[in-house]
Amino acid sequence: MAASKIAITIEDNLLKQLDLMVKAKIFPNRSKAIQEAVADKLKRLEKTRLAAECAKLDPDFEQNMAEEGFLMEMDEWPEY
């Protein structure tokens, strides 16, 4: 996968924590640690966005739509 170099500004206390994690071999280097942190944050934001969109749904309306679909299909299902 292609990668791009960027420059960031980071607070001193965060950088010290990051360097301790690299020193403890939790991450191989600063770059990998920051890359994983950004990827994790983006995943969490996507889940939050999905949850927010789902919260907008009306459960009664969705239930009625699902039941309507089943009722329409029941005429087409073979009898056992």
Protein backbone atom coordinates (compact mmCIF):
# COMPACT_ATOMS: atom_id res chain seq x y z
CA MET A 1 0.00 0.00 0.00
CA ALA A 2 1.26 3.47 -0.82
CA ALA A 3 2.17 5.73 2.07
CA SER A 4 2.64 9.47 2.39
CA LYS A 5 4.87 11.43 4.71
CA ILE A 6 3.24 14.15 6.77
CA ALA A 7 4.34 16.53 9.50
CA ILE A 8 2.29 16.83 12.67
CA THR A 9 2.37 18.91 15.80
CA ILE A 10 1.91 16.93 19.00
CA GLU A 11 1.85 17.98 22.64
CA ASP A 12 5.01 17.21 24.60
CA ASN A 13 3.27 14.94 27.12
CA LEU A 14 1.73 12.85 24.32
CA LEU A 15 5.08 12.55 22.60
CA LYS A 16 6.71 11.37 25.83
CA GLN A 17 4.00 8.72 26.26
CA LEU A 18 4.42 7.68 22.65
CA ASP A 19 8.20 7.40 23.03
CA LEU A 20 7.76 5.25 26.14
CA MET A 21 5.53 2.87 24.16
CA VAL A 22 8.09 2.67 21.38
CA LYS A 23 10.86 2.08 23.92
CA ALA A 24 8.76 -0.68 25.54
CA LYS A 25 8.39 -2.26 22.07
CA ILE A 26 4.61 -1.83 22.09
CA PHE A 27 5.07 -0.16 18.70
CA PRO A 28 8.07 -0.48 16.39
CA ASN A 29 8.28 3.29 15.88
CA ARG A 30 6.39 6.56 16.25
CA SER A 31 5.05 6.42 12.73
CA LYS A 32 3.42 3.00 13.20
CA ALA A 33 1.92 4.06 16.54
CA ILE A 34 0.38 7.20 15.08
CA GLN A 35 -0.84 5.29 12.02
CA GLU A 36 -2.63 2.72 14.21
CA ALA A 37 -4.11 5.46 16.41
CA VAL A 38 -5.53 7.33 13.41
CA ALA A 39 -6.93 4.10 11.90
CA ASP A 40 -8.56 3.18 15.22
CA LYS A 41 -10.09 6.64 15.62
CA LEU A 42 -11.49 6.59 12.08
CA LYS A 43 -13.11 3.18 12.72
CA ARG A 44 -14.68 4.46 15.94
CA LEU A 45 -16.01 7.56 14.22
CA GLU A 46 -17.55 5.42 11.48
CA LYS A 47 -19.29 3.24 14.07
CA THR A 48 -20.55 6.34 15.86
CA ARG A 49 -21.89 7.72 12.58
CA LEU A 50 -23.66 4.43 11.85
CA ALA A 51 -25.19 4.38 15.33
CA ALA A 52 -26.38 7.97 14.91
CA GLU A 53 -28.02 7.11 11.58
CA CYS A 54 -29.68 4.02 13.08
CA ALA A 55 -31.02 6.11 15.95
CA LYS A 56 -32.93 8.19 13.40
CA LEU A 57 -34.94 5.14 12.31
CA ASP A 58 -38.49 4.74 13.54
CA PRO A 59 -38.75 1.18 14.95
CA ASP A 60 -42.51 0.96 14.37
CA PHE A 61 -42.18 2.07 10.75
CA GLU A 62 -39.31 -0.37 10.13
CA GLN A 63 -41.28 -3.22 11.72
CA ASN A 64 -44.33 -2.44 9.57
CA MET A 65 -42.18 -2.34 6.43
CA ALA A 66 -40.63 -5.71 7.30
CA GLU A 67 -44.02 -7.29 7.99
CA GLU A 68 -45.46 -5.82 4.79
CA GLY A 69 -42.65 -7.42 2.84
CA PHE A 70 -43.31 -10.79 4.45
CA LEU A 71 -47.06 -10.57 3.80
CA MET A 72 -46.46 -9.87 0.13
CA GLU A 73 -44.07 -12.81 -0.15
CA MET A 74 -46.27 -15.26 1.75
CA ASP A 75 -48.56 -15.62 -1.27
CA GLU A 76 -45.57 -16.73 -3.31
CA TRP A 77 -44.19 -19.26 -0.81
CA PRO A 78 -45.04 -22.92 -1.41
CA GLU A 79 -47.18 -24.61 1.21
CA TYR A 80 -45.55 -27.42 3.19
